[in-house]
Amino acid sequence: MNRHLFQGIVAGVLFAIPITSIAAMDAVAEGDLVTIVPSVLFGLAAGLCIGALIAANFAMLDVEEKEHVPAQRMVEAHNRA
């Protein structure tokens, strides 16, 4: 796994965890299971969407870096004496 993809996944998870936990804590304060489950699922979905966007940003950064690799030329062909 390349460095940018790994960093994107880690950053995405770091955003998904607090979003899910905040949604769950708000529902737990009410104490009803009917409100807890949808809130947790909604928070998880929102966190995963934001995390996926962050991971995609890092993956696009990796693609852009690979496109701008300087061309290597053959020096041996020019060194004939």
N, C-alpha and C. Protein backbone atom coordinates (compact mmCIF):
# COMPACT_ATOMS: atom_id res chain seq x y z
N MET A 1 0.85 -1.17 0.00
CA MET A 1 0.00 0.00 0.00
C MET A 1 0.90 1.24 0.00
N ASN A 2 0.59 2.18 -0.86
CA ASN A 2 1.46 3.35 -0.93
C ASN A 2 1.19 4.32 0.22
N ARG A 3 2.08 5.26 0.36
CA ARG A 3 2.06 6.16 1.51
C ARG A 3 0.82 7.05 1.53
N HIS A 4 0.44 7.62 0.39
CA HIS A 4 -0.68 8.55 0.36
C HIS A 4 -2.01 7.84 0.61
N LEU A 5 -2.16 6.64 0.08
CA LEU A 5 -3.40 5.90 0.32
C LEU A 5 -3.51 5.54 1.79
N PHE A 6 -2.43 5.11 2.40
CA PHE A 6 -2.44 4.78 3.82
C PHE A 6 -2.77 6.01 4.66
N GLN A 7 -2.16 7.16 4.34
CA GLN A 7 -2.44 8.39 5.07
C GLN A 7 -3.90 8.81 4.89
N GLY A 8 -4.45 8.62 3.70
CA GLY A 8 -5.85 8.97 3.46
C GLY A 8 -6.80 8.10 4.25
N ILE A 9 -6.50 6.81 4.34
CA ILE A 9 -7.36 5.91 5.11
C ILE A 9 -7.29 6.25 6.59
N VAL A 10 -6.09 6.53 7.09
CA VAL A 10 -5.95 6.89 8.51
C VAL A 10 -6.69 8.19 8.81
N ALA A 11 -6.55 9.20 7.95
CA ALA A 11 -7.24 10.47 8.16
C ALA A 11 -8.75 10.29 8.07
N GLY A 12 -9.21 9.45 7.14
CA GLY A 12 -10.64 9.19 7.02
C GLY A 12 -11.21 8.51 8.26
N VAL A 13 -10.47 7.55 8.80
CA VAL A 13 -10.92 6.87 10.02
C VAL A 13 -10.94 7.83 11.19
N LEU A 14 -9.94 8.73 11.25
CA LEU A 14 -9.91 9.70 12.33
C LEU A 14 -11.08 10.68 12.26
N PHE A 15 -11.63 10.90 11.09
CA PHE A 15 -12.84 11.72 10.98
C PHE A 15 -14.10 10.90 11.24
N ALA A 16 -14.13 9.65 10.82
CA ALA A 16 -15.33 8.82 10.97
C ALA A 16 -15.62 8.49 12.43
N ILE A 17 -14.59 8.24 13.22
CA ILE A 17 -14.79 7.85 14.62
C ILE A 17 -15.48 8.96 15.43
N PRO A 18 -14.99 10.21 15.40
CA PRO A 18 -15.67 11.24 16.20
C PRO A 18 -17.08 11.55 15.70
N ILE A 19 -17.29 11.52 14.40
CA ILE A 19 -18.63 11.82 13.88
C ILE A 19 -19.61 10.76 14.35
N THR A 20 -19.22 9.49 14.29
CA THR A 20 -20.09 8.41 14.76
C THR A 20 -20.32 8.51 16.26
N SER A 21 -19.28 8.78 17.02
CA SER A 21 -19.44 8.82 18.48
C SER A 21 -20.29 10.02 18.92
N ILE A 22 -20.16 11.15 18.25
CA ILE A 22 -21.00 12.31 18.60
C ILE A 22 -22.46 12.00 18.31
N ALA A 23 -22.73 11.39 17.19
CA ALA A 23 -24.12 11.03 16.87
C ALA A 23 -24.66 10.02 17.88
N ALA A 24 -23.82 9.08 18.29
CA ALA A 24 -24.27 8.07 19.26
C ALA A 24 -24.50 8.69 20.63
N MET A 25 -23.62 9.61 21.06
CA MET A 25 -23.79 10.22 22.38
C MET A 25 -25.05 11.06 22.46
N ASP A 26 -25.39 11.74 21.39
CA ASP A 26 -26.63 12.52 21.39
C ASP A 26 -27.84 11.61 21.54
N ALA A 27 -27.82 10.46 20.91
CA ALA A 27 -28.95 9.53 20.99
C ALA A 27 -28.98 8.82 22.34
N VAL A 28 -27.83 8.51 22.91
CA VAL A 28 -27.79 7.82 24.20
C VAL A 28 -28.34 8.73 25.30
N ALA A 29 -28.19 10.03 25.13
CA ALA A 29 -28.74 10.96 26.13
C ALA A 29 -30.25 10.83 26.22
N GLU A 30 -30.90 10.52 25.11
CA GLU A 30 -32.34 10.30 25.14
C GLU A 30 -32.68 8.93 25.70
N GLY A 31 -31.81 7.95 25.47
CA GLY A 31 -31.96 6.64 26.09
C GLY A 31 -32.91 5.68 25.41
N ASP A 32 -33.43 6.02 24.27
CA ASP A 32 -34.37 5.14 23.57
C ASP A 32 -33.63 4.41 22.45
N LEU A 33 -33.79 3.09 22.40
CA LEU A 33 -33.10 2.27 21.40
C LEU A 33 -33.54 2.63 19.99
N VAL A 34 -34.78 3.09 19.86
CA VAL A 34 -35.30 3.44 18.54
C VAL A 34 -34.55 4.66 17.98
N THR A 35 -34.06 5.53 18.83
CA THR A 35 -33.30 6.69 18.35
C THR A 35 -31.80 6.43 18.31
N ILE A 36 -31.32 5.48 19.11
CA ILE A 36 -29.89 5.21 19.14
C ILE A 36 -29.41 4.57 17.84
N VAL A 37 -30.10 3.54 17.39
CA VAL A 37 -29.66 2.79 16.20
C VAL A 37 -29.61 3.67 14.95
N PRO A 38 -30.68 4.41 14.62
CA PRO A 38 -30.58 5.25 13.42
C PRO A 38 -29.52 6.35 13.54
N SER A 39 -29.35 6.89 14.73
CA SER A 39 -28.35 7.94 14.90
C SER A 39 -26.94 7.40 14.70
N VAL A 40 -26.68 6.20 15.23
CA VAL A 40 -25.37 5.59 15.05
C VAL A 40 -25.15 5.27 13.58
N LEU A 41 -26.14 4.73 12.92
CA LEU A 41 -25.99 4.40 11.50
C LEU A 41 -25.81 5.64 10.65
N PHE A 42 -26.55 6.70 10.96
CA PHE A 42 -26.39 7.94 10.22
C PHE A 42 -25.01 8.55 10.46
N GLY A 43 -24.56 8.53 11.70
CA GLY A 43 -23.22 9.05 12.00
C GLY A 43 -22.14 8.24 11.33
N LEU A 44 -22.29 6.92 11.31
CA LEU A 44 -21.32 6.06 10.65
C LEU A 44 -21.29 6.32 9.15
N ALA A 45 -22.46 6.46 8.55
CA ALA A 45 -22.53 6.73 7.11
C ALA A 45 -21.89 8.08 6.79
N ALA A 46 -22.20 9.10 7.58
CA ALA A 46 -21.61 10.42 7.35
C ALA A 46 -20.10 10.38 7.54
N GLY A 47 -19.64 9.71 8.58
CA GLY A 47 -18.21 9.61 8.82
C GLY A 47 -17.49 8.86 7.72
N LEU A 48 -18.09 7.78 7.23
CA LEU A 48 -17.47 7.03 6.16
C LEU A 48 -17.43 7.82 4.86
N CYS A 49 -18.47 8.60 4.60
CA CYS A 49 -18.48 9.43 3.38
C CYS A 49 -17.38 10.48 3.44
N ILE A 50 -17.25 11.15 4.56
CA ILE A 50 -16.20 12.16 4.70
C ILE A 50 -14.83 11.49 4.64
N GLY A 51 -14.70 10.35 5.31
CA GLY A 51 -13.45 9.62 5.28
C GLY A 51 -13.07 9.17 3.88
N ALA A 52 -14.06 8.72 3.10
CA ALA A 52 -13.79 8.29 1.73
C ALA A 52 -13.35 9.47 0.86
N LEU A 53 -13.94 10.63 1.08
CA LEU A 53 -13.53 11.82 0.33
C LEU A 53 -12.08 12.20 0.67
N ILE A 54 -11.73 12.11 1.93
CA ILE A 54 -10.36 12.42 2.32
C ILE A 54 -9.39 11.42 1.72
N ALA A 55 -9.74 10.13 1.77
CA ALA A 55 -8.87 9.10 1.19
C ALA A 55 -8.74 9.29 -0.32
N ALA A 56 -9.83 9.69 -0.99
CA ALA A 56 -9.77 9.94 -2.43
C ALA A 56 -8.86 11.12 -2.74
N ASN A 57 -8.88 12.14 -1.87
CA ASN A 57 -7.98 13.29 -2.06
C ASN A 57 -6.53 12.86 -1.99
N PHE A 58 -6.20 12.02 -1.03
CA PHE A 58 -4.82 11.54 -0.91
C PHE A 58 -4.45 10.65 -2.10
N ALA A 59 -5.39 9.84 -2.57
CA ALA A 59 -5.11 8.99 -3.73
C ALA A 59 -4.88 9.84 -4.98
N MET A 60 -5.65 10.92 -5.14
CA MET A 60 -5.44 11.81 -6.28
C MET A 60 -4.09 12.52 -6.18
N LEU A 61 -3.66 12.84 -4.97
CA LEU A 61 -2.35 13.43 -4.78
C LEU A 61 -1.26 12.46 -5.22
N ASP A 62 -1.44 11.20 -4.93
CA ASP A 62 -0.46 10.18 -5.35
C ASP A 62 -0.42 10.07 -6.87
N VAL A 63 -1.57 10.11 -7.52
CA VAL A 63 -1.62 10.02 -8.99
C VAL A 63 -0.93 11.24 -9.61
N GLU A 64 -1.18 12.42 -9.05
CA GLU A 64 -0.54 13.62 -9.58
C GLU A 64 0.97 13.58 -9.42
N GLU A 65 1.44 13.02 -8.31
CA GLU A 65 2.89 12.93 -8.12
C GLU A 65 3.51 11.96 -9.11
N LYS A 66 2.81 10.90 -9.45
CA LYS A 66 3.34 9.93 -10.41
C LYS A 66 3.35 10.50 -11.82
N GLU A 67 2.43 11.41 -12.15
CA GLU A 67 2.39 12.00 -13.49
C GLU A 67 3.56 12.94 -13.72
N HIS A 68 4.08 13.57 -12.69
CA HIS A 68 5.12 14.58 -12.83
C HIS A 68 6.51 14.02 -12.57
N VAL A 69 6.71 12.76 -12.80
CA VAL A 69 8.04 12.18 -12.64
C VAL A 69 8.90 12.65 -13.81
N PRO A 70 10.06 13.22 -13.53
CA PRO A 70 10.90 13.71 -14.62
C PRO A 70 11.39 12.56 -15.50
N ALA A 71 11.48 12.84 -16.76
CA ALA A 71 11.91 11.82 -17.72
C ALA A 71 13.40 11.55 -17.55
N GLN A 72 13.76 10.30 -17.64
CA GLN A 72 15.15 9.89 -17.56
C GLN A 72 15.68 9.72 -18.98
N ARG A 73 16.85 10.21 -19.25
CA ARG A 73 17.40 10.04 -20.58
C ARG A 73 18.64 9.15 -20.51
N MET A 74 18.91 8.55 -21.59
CA MET A 74 20.06 7.67 -21.67
C MET A 74 21.32 8.50 -21.87
N VAL A 75 22.18 8.50 -20.90
CA VAL A 75 23.41 9.27 -20.96
C VAL A 75 24.48 8.49 -21.71
N GLU A 76 24.42 7.19 -21.65
CA GLU A 76 25.45 6.35 -22.29
C GLU A 76 25.51 6.55 -23.79
N ALA A 77 24.39 6.84 -24.42
CA ALA A 77 24.37 7.02 -25.86
C ALA A 77 25.14 8.27 -26.28
N HIS A 78 25.23 9.24 -25.43
CA HIS A 78 25.90 10.50 -25.76
C HIS A 78 27.37 10.50 -25.35
N ASN A 79 27.82 9.53 -24.63
CA ASN A 79 29.19 9.51 -24.13
C ASN A 79 30.14 8.70 -25.03
N ARG A 80 29.80 8.45 -26.21
CA ARG A 80 30.69 7.68 -27.08
C ARG A 80 31.85 8.56 -27.52
N ALA A 81 33.02 8.05 -27.37
CA ALA A 81 34.19 8.85 -27.73
C ALA A 81 34.86 8.32 -28.97
